[in-house]
């Protein structure tokens, strides 16, 4: 009952996080990678001594003044720059060898045109929107027999409020990381958001289903328990399961973040942030909102 009784504190905390994330997104924007805006990504490794980052940037200046260089591991660099022709690609690899002073080996090369990048961005937004719509329809259908004291469609709306909370927080964090650390968003980030949506709605449905079951038992037993007591009891019955499930997933993701390949590092970070936000929202936001909506209905 603590969460339900003190729900306003959780609303305030979530409000601060969401407003901060939204403000960061508006002020700083997203640092989109080549998957969305087009360009080339080249990862090179050096067998002997790795040149200084300044040397790489000086070499790239004549090709793309806005190219970014990030060290990776102990012997490589990840370079992001404009779209390259095949001749420019070969010439760049030769230049990165510095006339044989360093042995540069291409580890990975990706090139995407601007049209394909815009198409990927639109499809990513469409995928997220479709997932959210399908979730609303599913929850409305699944809880169609629950009409008192909160209508079934309101369960769906409350779930969407919680999901927007879960998406905005990692987006806001990555908007800040893109500005401060040059982190670029790619299709893996979109995949992470979709996973977070699925994970979060699963947790929320578990709690809502327990509420539905406890409402049924209360009717059968002609219990006089109020709706907020029933919701509080439902949260108490499921909170340990939700936290333990999320914690085991987060432990695996933390390991992947520190020992996994660089290409999945920020994917893991997005999942960690999103799953923490999703677990929090399913317990401290979605369930209390049921009580708030019921109280609004009772007053009207």
Protein backbone atom coordinates (compact mmCIF):
# COMPACT_ATOMS: atom_id res chain seq x y z
CA UNK A 1 0.00 0.00 0.00
CA UNK A 2 2.96 2.37 0.43
CA UNK A 3 3.21 2.96 -3.33
CA UNK A 4 -0.50 3.65 -3.68
CA UNK A 5 -0.68 5.85 -0.57
CA UNK A 6 2.32 7.95 -1.63
CA UNK A 7 1.60 7.85 -5.37
CA UNK A 8 1.92 11.65 -5.71
CA UNK A 9 5.61 11.41 -4.81
CA UNK A 10 6.16 8.93 -7.64
CA UNK A 11 4.16 11.14 -10.02
CA UNK A 12 6.40 14.08 -9.15
CA UNK A 13 9.60 12.05 -9.63
CA UNK A 14 8.41 10.72 -12.99
CA UNK A 15 7.25 14.19 -14.02
CA UNK A 16 10.72 15.61 -13.33
CA UNK A 17 12.41 12.81 -15.31
CA UNK A 18 10.02 13.10 -18.26
CA UNK A 19 10.19 16.91 -18.43
CA UNK A 20 14.00 16.81 -18.18
CA UNK A 21 14.18 14.17 -20.93
CA UNK A 22 11.77 16.08 -23.18
CA UNK A 23 13.62 19.37 -22.63
CA UNK A 24 16.96 17.71 -23.40
CA UNK A 25 15.48 16.24 -26.58
CA UNK A 26 14.11 19.62 -27.71
CA UNK A 27 17.20 21.63 -26.82
CA UNK A 28 19.93 19.22 -27.95
CA UNK A 29 18.17 17.00 -30.46
CA UNK A 30 19.27 13.50 -31.40
CA UNK A 31 22.67 12.74 -32.86
CA UNK A 32 21.54 10.39 -35.63
CA UNK A 33 23.99 7.89 -37.07
CA UNK A 34 24.49 6.87 -40.67
CA UNK A 35 21.56 4.46 -40.45
CA UNK A 36 19.22 7.48 -40.43
CA UNK A 37 21.02 10.34 -42.15
CA UNK A 38 23.31 8.46 -44.54
CA UNK A 39 27.07 8.36 -44.67
CA UNK A 40 29.88 5.89 -44.08
CA UNK A 41 31.25 4.09 -41.05
CA UNK A 42 34.76 2.65 -41.13
CA UNK A 43 36.41 0.69 -38.36
CA UNK A 44 40.16 0.21 -38.74
CA UNK A 45 42.62 -1.75 -36.64
CA UNK A 46 46.38 -1.41 -36.46
CA UNK A 47 48.56 -4.49 -36.11
CA UNK A 48 51.59 -2.66 -34.74
CA UNK A 49 51.47 0.82 -33.22
CA UNK A 50 48.29 2.83 -33.39
CA UNK A 51 48.63 6.44 -34.64
CA UNK A 52 47.39 9.34 -32.57
CA UNK A 53 43.78 10.43 -32.95
CA UNK A 54 44.97 13.88 -34.08
CA UNK A 55 46.86 12.28 -36.96
CA UNK A 56 43.72 10.46 -38.11
CA UNK A 57 41.66 13.66 -37.90
CA UNK A 58 44.28 15.56 -39.91
CA UNK A 59 44.19 12.89 -42.61
CA UNK A 60 40.38 13.02 -42.75
CA UNK A 61 40.22 16.85 -42.94
CA UNK A 62 40.65 16.90 -46.72
CA UNK A 63 37.95 14.24 -47.21
CA UNK A 64 35.30 15.33 -44.70
CA UNK A 65 35.79 18.26 -42.35
CA UNK A 66 32.95 16.97 -40.15
CA UNK A 67 34.21 13.40 -39.79
CA UNK A 68 34.26 11.97 -36.27
CA UNK A 69 36.92 9.67 -34.87
CA UNK A 70 36.53 7.47 -31.80
CA UNK A 71 39.20 5.13 -30.41
CA UNK A 72 38.02 1.56 -29.93
CA UNK A 73 39.90 -1.04 -27.94
CA UNK A 74 43.67 -0.70 -27.81
CA UNK A 75 44.46 -0.76 -31.51
CA UNK A 76 41.59 0.67 -33.54
CA UNK A 77 39.38 3.59 -34.47
CA UNK A 78 35.77 3.98 -35.55
CA UNK A 79 35.45 6.71 -38.17
CA UNK A 80 32.13 8.24 -39.27
CA UNK A 81 32.07 10.50 -42.32
CA UNK A 82 30.10 11.37 -45.43
CA UNK A 83 29.13 8.79 -48.03
CA UNK A 84 32.19 7.59 -49.98
CA UNK A 85 32.64 6.28 -53.48
CA UNK A 86 34.58 3.04 -53.89
CA UNK A 87 37.63 4.96 -55.11
CA UNK A 88 37.47 7.30 -52.10
CA UNK A 89 37.09 4.28 -49.84
CA UNK A 90 40.28 2.68 -51.18
CA UNK A 91 42.15 6.00 -51.09
CA UNK A 92 41.13 6.52 -47.45
CA UNK A 93 42.45 3.10 -46.42
CA UNK A 94 45.74 3.88 -48.12
CA UNK A 95 45.94 7.28 -46.40
CA UNK A 96 45.26 5.72 -43.00
CA UNK A 97 48.37 3.57 -43.44
CA UNK A 98 50.44 6.79 -43.49
CA UNK A 99 52.72 5.63 -46.29
CA UNK A 100 53.39 2.28 -44.61
CA UNK A 101 54.30 3.76 -41.23
CA UNK A 102 51.27 1.96 -39.76
CA UNK A 103 49.55 -1.20 -40.96
CA UNK A 104 45.85 -0.32 -41.19
CA UNK A 105 43.37 -3.17 -41.61
CA UNK A 106 39.69 -2.63 -42.33
CA UNK A 107 37.55 -4.31 -39.67
CA UNK A 108 34.17 -3.03 -40.82
CA UNK A 109 32.77 -0.70 -43.45
CA UNK A 110 29.14 0.41 -43.90
CA UNK A 111 27.80 2.96 -46.33
CA UNK A 112 24.19 4.17 -46.55
CA UNK A 113 22.76 6.80 -48.89
CA UNK A 114 20.69 9.71 -47.51
CA UNK A 115 17.45 8.41 -49.09
CA UNK A 116 17.83 5.01 -47.43
CA UNK A 117 18.64 6.75 -44.17
CA UNK A 118 15.42 8.81 -44.25
CA UNK A 119 13.46 5.69 -45.14
CA UNK A 120 14.96 3.85 -42.16
CA UNK A 121 14.04 6.75 -39.84
CA UNK A 122 10.42 6.80 -41.06
CA UNK A 123 10.09 3.03 -40.75
CA UNK A 124 11.51 3.14 -37.24
CA UNK A 125 8.94 5.73 -36.14
CA UNK A 126 6.19 3.74 -37.85
CA UNK A 127 7.29 0.55 -36.08
CA UNK A 128 7.17 2.22 -32.66
CA UNK A 129 3.75 3.76 -33.38
CA UNK A 130 2.30 0.45 -34.59
CA UNK A 131 3.61 -1.38 -31.53
CA UNK A 132 1.97 1.17 -29.22
CA UNK A 133 -1.36 0.99 -31.09
CA UNK A 134 -1.34 -2.82 -31.01
CA UNK A 135 -0.60 -2.78 -27.28
CA UNK A 136 -3.59 -0.49 -26.62
CA UNK A 137 -5.91 -2.70 -28.67
CA UNK A 138 -4.65 -5.86 -26.99
CA UNK A 139 -5.04 -4.55 -23.44
CA UNK A 140 -8.49 -3.12 -24.20
CA UNK A 141 -9.53 -6.54 -25.52
CA UNK A 142 -7.87 -8.53 -22.72
CA UNK A 143 -9.58 -6.45 -20.03
CA UNK A 144 -12.92 -6.10 -21.84
CA UNK A 145 -14.76 -7.88 -19.01
CA UNK A 146 -13.38 -5.47 -16.42
CA UNK A 147 -15.75 -2.51 -16.43
CA UNK A 148 -15.97 -1.61 -12.77
CA UNK A 149 -14.76 0.59 -11.32
CA UNK A 150 -12.37 1.46 -14.22
CA UNK A 151 -13.36 0.84 -17.84
CA UNK A 152 -11.22 -1.57 -19.88
CA UNK A 153 -10.12 1.07 -22.40
CA UNK A 154 -8.67 3.14 -19.56
CA UNK A 155 -6.29 0.28 -18.77
CA UNK A 156 -4.97 0.69 -22.31
CA UNK A 157 -4.60 4.47 -22.01
CA UNK A 158 -2.78 4.15 -18.68
CA UNK A 159 -0.44 1.60 -20.23
CA UNK A 160 0.41 4.05 -23.03
CA UNK A 161 1.17 6.79 -20.48
CA UNK A 162 3.59 4.39 -18.77
CA UNK A 163 5.14 3.35 -22.11
CA UNK A 164 5.73 6.96 -23.16
CA UNK A 165 7.47 7.45 -19.82
CA UNK A 166 9.66 4.40 -20.52
CA UNK A 167 10.62 5.58 -24.02
CA UNK A 168 11.21 9.26 -23.25
CA UNK A 169 13.70 8.63 -20.46
CA UNK A 170 16.27 6.61 -22.52
CA UNK A 171 15.73 8.97 -25.50
CA UNK A 172 16.49 11.94 -23.26
CA UNK A 173 19.61 10.26 -21.86
CA UNK A 174 20.88 9.48 -25.35
CA UNK A 175 20.13 13.00 -26.55
CA UNK A 176 22.45 14.21 -23.78
CA UNK A 177 25.08 11.56 -24.58
CA UNK A 178 24.94 12.51 -28.25
CA UNK A 179 25.68 16.13 -27.34
CA UNK A 180 28.31 15.49 -24.66
CA UNK A 181 30.02 12.29 -25.87
CA UNK A 182 29.15 12.14 -29.56
CA UNK A 183 27.04 8.99 -29.20
CA UNK A 184 25.12 8.34 -32.43
CA UNK A 185 21.76 6.59 -32.65
CA UNK A 186 21.35 3.72 -35.07
CA UNK A 187 18.74 1.06 -35.78
CA UNK A 188 19.99 -0.93 -32.77
CA UNK A 189 18.73 1.89 -30.57
CA UNK A 190 15.28 1.58 -32.14
CA UNK A 191 15.44 -2.17 -31.55
CA UNK A 192 16.27 -1.47 -27.90
CA UNK A 193 13.23 0.82 -27.58
CA UNK A 194 10.97 -1.86 -29.05
CA UNK A 195 12.37 -4.42 -26.59
CA UNK A 196 11.78 -1.96 -23.73
CA UNK A 197 8.17 -1.48 -24.86
CA UNK A 198 7.60 -5.22 -24.86
CA UNK A 199 9.33 -5.73 -21.52
CA UNK A 200 7.49 -2.85 -19.86
CA UNK A 201 4.03 -3.80 -21.09
CA UNK A 202 4.63 -7.36 -19.93
CA UNK A 203 5.32 -6.12 -16.39
CA UNK A 204 2.32 -3.80 -16.49
CA UNK A 205 -0.04 -6.54 -17.68
CA UNK A 206 1.13 -8.83 -14.87
CA UNK A 207 0.10 -6.22 -12.28
CA UNK A 208 -3.16 -5.36 -14.09
CA UNK A 209 -4.05 -9.04 -14.38
CA UNK A 210 -3.57 -9.43 -10.64
CA UNK A 211 -5.85 -6.42 -10.11
CA UNK A 212 -8.47 -8.04 -12.33
CA UNK A 213 -8.23 -11.32 -10.42
CA UNK A 214 -8.47 -9.61 -7.03
CA UNK A 215 -11.50 -7.62 -8.21
CA UNK A 216 -13.19 -10.87 -9.24
CA UNK A 217 -12.43 -12.47 -5.87
CA UNK A 218 -13.71 -9.38 -4.06
CA UNK A 219 -17.02 -9.58 -5.95
CA UNK A 220 -17.39 -13.31 -5.32
CA UNK A 221 -16.60 -12.92 -1.61
CA UNK A 222 -18.63 -9.72 -1.36
CA UNK A 223 -15.61 -8.01 0.14
CA UNK A 224 -15.91 -4.39 1.22
CA UNK A 225 -12.30 -3.58 0.31
CA UNK A 226 -11.92 -0.31 -1.56
CA UNK A 227 -10.37 -0.18 -5.04
CA UNK A 228 -7.13 1.43 -3.84
CA UNK A 229 -6.69 -1.35 -1.25
CA UNK A 230 -7.20 -4.00 -3.96
CA UNK A 231 -4.67 -2.30 -6.26
CA UNK A 232 -2.18 -1.96 -3.40
CA UNK A 233 -2.57 -5.63 -2.57
CA UNK A 234 -2.07 -6.55 -6.24
CA UNK A 235 1.15 -4.51 -6.44
CA UNK A 236 2.45 -6.15 -3.25
CA UNK A 237 1.74 -9.61 -4.69
CA UNK A 238 3.65 -8.96 -7.92
CA UNK A 239 6.42 -6.48 -7.01
CA UNK A 240 8.97 -9.14 -5.99
CA UNK A 241 8.47 -11.07 -9.22
CA UNK A 242 8.78 -7.91 -11.36
CA UNK A 243 11.92 -6.68 -9.61
CA UNK A 244 13.64 -10.08 -9.67
CA UNK A 245 12.87 -10.61 -13.37
CA UNK A 246 14.19 -7.16 -14.27
CA UNK A 247 17.24 -7.49 -12.04
CA UNK A 248 18.40 -10.75 -13.62
CA UNK A 249 18.00 -9.19 -17.09
CA UNK A 250 19.89 -6.06 -16.07
CA UNK A 251 22.77 -8.09 -14.63
CA UNK A 252 23.20 -9.84 -17.98
CA UNK A 253 23.04 -6.51 -19.84
CA UNK A 254 25.62 -4.91 -17.54
CA UNK A 255 28.01 -7.78 -18.29
CA UNK A 256 27.33 -7.36 -22.02
CA UNK A 257 27.98 -3.62 -21.73
CA UNK A 258 31.41 -4.06 -20.16
CA UNK A 259 32.70 -7.19 -21.92
CA UNK A 260 30.67 -7.24 -25.14
CA UNK A 261 31.71 -5.77 -28.50
CA UNK A 262 31.69 -2.00 -29.03
CA UNK A 263 28.86 -2.31 -31.56
CA UNK A 264 26.43 -3.49 -28.86
CA UNK A 265 27.65 -1.32 -26.00
CA UNK A 266 25.09 1.47 -26.36
CA UNK A 267 22.39 -1.04 -27.27
CA UNK A 268 22.97 -2.61 -23.86
CA UNK A 269 22.96 0.79 -22.16
CA UNK A 270 19.64 1.74 -23.78
CA UNK A 271 18.11 -1.53 -22.59
CA UNK A 272 19.43 -1.06 -19.05
CA UNK A 273 17.95 2.44 -18.77
CA UNK A 274 14.68 1.43 -20.44
CA UNK A 275 14.14 -1.71 -18.35
CA UNK A 276 14.81 0.18 -15.11
CA UNK A 277 12.34 2.88 -16.20
CA UNK A 278 9.81 0.24 -17.32
CA UNK A 279 9.95 -1.73 -14.08
CA UNK A 280 9.56 1.46 -12.08
CA UNK A 281 6.61 2.68 -14.19
CA UNK A 282 4.70 -0.63 -14.07
CA UNK A 283 4.87 -0.62 -10.27
CA UNK A 284 4.90 3.05 -9.31
CA UNK A 285 3.06 4.77 -12.17
CA UNK A 286 0.65 2.48 -14.05
CA UNK A 287 -0.95 0.87 -10.99
CA UNK A 288 -1.35 4.09 -8.97
CA UNK A 289 -2.86 5.75 -12.06
CA UNK A 290 -5.68 3.19 -11.90
CA UNK A 291 -6.50 4.49 -8.42
CA UNK A 292 -6.24 8.13 -9.53
CA UNK A 293 -8.56 7.54 -12.51
CA UNK A 294 -11.05 5.73 -10.27
CA UNK A 295 -11.08 8.61 -7.80
CA UNK A 296 -11.64 11.11 -10.63
CA UNK A 297 -14.57 9.00 -11.83
CA UNK A 298 -16.04 8.84 -8.34
CA UNK A 299 -15.95 12.63 -8.00
CA UNK A 300 -17.62 13.27 -11.35
